[in-house]
Protein backbone atom coordinates (compact mmCIF):
# COMPACT_ATOMS: atom_id res chain seq x y z
CA MET A 1 -25.52 13.54 -28.87
CA TRP A 2 -26.62 14.03 -25.25
CA ARG A 3 -25.24 10.65 -24.30
CA LEU A 4 -21.80 11.63 -25.59
CA ILE A 5 -21.93 14.91 -23.69
CA LEU A 6 -22.90 13.03 -20.52
CA ALA A 7 -20.09 10.55 -21.17
CA ASP A 8 -17.64 13.47 -21.43
CA LEU A 9 -19.02 14.83 -18.17
CA VAL A 10 -18.49 11.45 -16.48
CA VAL A 11 -14.88 11.41 -17.73
CA ALA A 12 -14.31 14.91 -16.35
CA ILE A 13 -15.80 13.87 -12.99
CA HIS A 14 -13.70 10.71 -13.02
CA PHE A 15 -10.51 12.69 -13.70
CA SER A 16 -11.41 15.19 -10.97
CA PHE A 17 -12.01 12.34 -8.53
CA ILE A 18 -8.62 10.82 -9.37
CA LEU A 19 -6.93 14.17 -8.71
CA PHE A 20 -8.83 14.45 -5.42
CA VAL A 21 -7.77 10.92 -4.41
CA VAL A 22 -4.11 11.66 -5.10
CA LEU A 23 -3.83 15.28 -3.97
CA GLY A 24 -6.94 15.98 -1.89
CA GLY A 25 -4.91 15.72 1.29
CA LEU A 26 -3.34 19.05 0.35
CA LEU A 27 -6.80 20.60 0.62
CA ALA A 28 -7.10 19.04 4.07
CA LEU A 29 -4.01 20.96 5.17
CA LYS A 30 -5.95 24.15 4.49
CA TRP A 31 -9.53 23.06 5.31
CA ARG A 32 -9.63 20.41 8.04
CA ARG A 33 -13.14 19.17 7.28
CA ILE A 34 -12.04 17.95 3.85
CA VAL A 35 -10.36 15.05 5.67
CA TRP A 36 -13.77 13.41 6.13
CA LEU A 37 -14.31 13.42 2.36
CA HIS A 38 -10.77 12.76 1.30
CA LEU A 39 -9.81 9.79 3.47
CA PRO A 40 -12.68 7.57 2.23
CA ALA A 41 -11.97 8.68 -1.36
CA ALA A 42 -8.26 7.87 -0.99
CA VAL A 43 -9.02 4.47 0.52
CA TRP A 44 -11.47 3.75 -2.32
CA GLY A 45 -8.95 4.84 -4.97
CA ALA A 46 -6.18 2.68 -3.51
CA LEU A 47 -8.55 -0.26 -3.05
CA ILE A 48 -9.65 -0.07 -6.69
CA GLU A 49 -6.00 -0.31 -7.76
CA PHE A 50 -4.95 -3.01 -5.28
CA ALA A 51 -7.96 -5.21 -5.98
CA GLY A 52 -7.83 -4.68 -9.74
CA TRP A 53 -11.44 -3.57 -9.82
CA ILE A 54 -12.96 -1.29 -12.41
CA CYS A 55 -14.37 1.98 -11.10
CA PRO A 56 -18.16 2.30 -11.45
CA LEU A 57 -17.63 5.56 -13.32
CA THR A 58 -15.94 3.54 -16.08
CA PHE A 59 -19.05 1.40 -16.46
CA ILE A 60 -21.26 4.48 -16.59
CA GLU A 61 -19.12 6.11 -19.25
CA ASN A 62 -18.97 2.96 -21.38
CA ARG A 63 -22.71 2.55 -21.12
CA LEU A 64 -23.26 6.13 -22.30
CA ARG A 65 -20.94 5.58 -25.27
CA THR A 66 -22.59 2.31 -26.37
CA GLY A 67 -23.88 2.52 -29.92
CA HIS A 68 -21.61 5.37 -30.97
CA GLY A 69 -18.92 3.41 -32.82
CA SER A 70 -15.62 3.45 -31.02
CA GLY A 71 -17.03 6.19 -28.84
CA TYR A 72 -14.05 8.48 -28.89
CA SER A 73 -14.41 11.28 -31.38
CA SER A 74 -12.27 14.40 -31.23
CA SER A 75 -13.50 16.29 -28.20
CA PHE A 76 -10.92 17.77 -25.84
CA ILE A 77 -11.97 15.57 -22.94
CA GLU A 78 -11.85 12.39 -24.98
CA HIS A 79 -8.57 13.22 -26.62
CA TYR A 80 -6.64 14.39 -23.55
CA LEU A 81 -8.26 12.90 -20.45
CA ILE A 82 -9.24 9.40 -21.59
CA PRO A 83 -5.60 8.26 -22.11
CA VAL A 84 -4.70 9.53 -18.63
CA ILE A 85 -7.62 7.77 -16.93
CA TYR A 86 -7.48 4.60 -19.05
CA PRO A 87 -3.85 4.03 -20.13
CA SER A 88 -3.50 1.40 -22.84
CA ALA A 89 -0.45 -0.27 -21.26
CA LEU A 90 -2.04 -0.69 -17.81
CA THR A 91 -0.89 -3.94 -16.21
CA ARG A 92 -1.60 -5.48 -12.83
CA GLU A 93 1.87 -4.42 -11.62
CA ILE A 94 1.26 -0.83 -12.71
CA GLN A 95 -2.10 -0.86 -10.91
CA ILE A 96 -0.44 -1.99 -7.68
CA GLY A 97 2.24 0.65 -8.19
CA LEU A 98 -0.45 3.29 -8.64
CA GLY A 99 -2.17 2.12 -5.47
CA LEU A 100 1.11 2.33 -3.56
CA THR A 101 1.74 5.79 -5.00
CA VAL A 102 -1.67 6.97 -3.79
CA VAL A 103 -0.97 5.59 -0.32
CA LEU A 104 2.56 7.04 -0.17
CA ILE A 105 1.54 10.52 -1.33
CA ASN A 106 -1.31 10.61 1.15
CA VAL A 107 0.78 9.28 4.03
CA LEU A 108 3.29 12.08 3.41
CA ILE A 109 0.54 14.70 3.20
CA TYR A 110 -1.26 13.46 6.30
CA ARG A 111 2.03 13.33 8.17
CA GLN A 112 2.20 17.09 7.60
CA TYR A 113 -1.45 17.37 8.63
CA TYR A 114 -0.67 15.51 11.86
CA ILE A 115 2.37 17.70 12.59
CA LYS A 116 0.27 20.80 12.00
CA TRP A 117 -2.42 19.40 14.31
CA LEU A 118 0.14 18.67 17.05
CA LYS A 119 1.39 22.25 16.93
CA ARG A 120 -2.14 23.50 17.62
CA GLN A 121 -2.48 21.41 20.76
CA PRO A 122 -1.83 23.19 24.06
């Protein structure tokens, strides 16, 4: 029981991290220090997709679900977040596309960050 709860928690953290990777630059527009957390996270997220690696959080979640049948019962997190994080039709081309999407979104956001920074300069 506790292992399944922890697995759900890992999925929620994983989903939150993905959102931070994709959109965390928007937080940096408001709070400049977030840049130091977001840039490494965005690089990691894009690298995972470009290299075709599996995120360590996936291994942790799978390990916690071991021995519980298929692992996915009917909890909200499992039903709604798992398909978003682990799409069944994920191909290598889609992974590269996701990596490019992460890079493009963040380049556009940090372009705004840079423009905002330039306006502050004397």
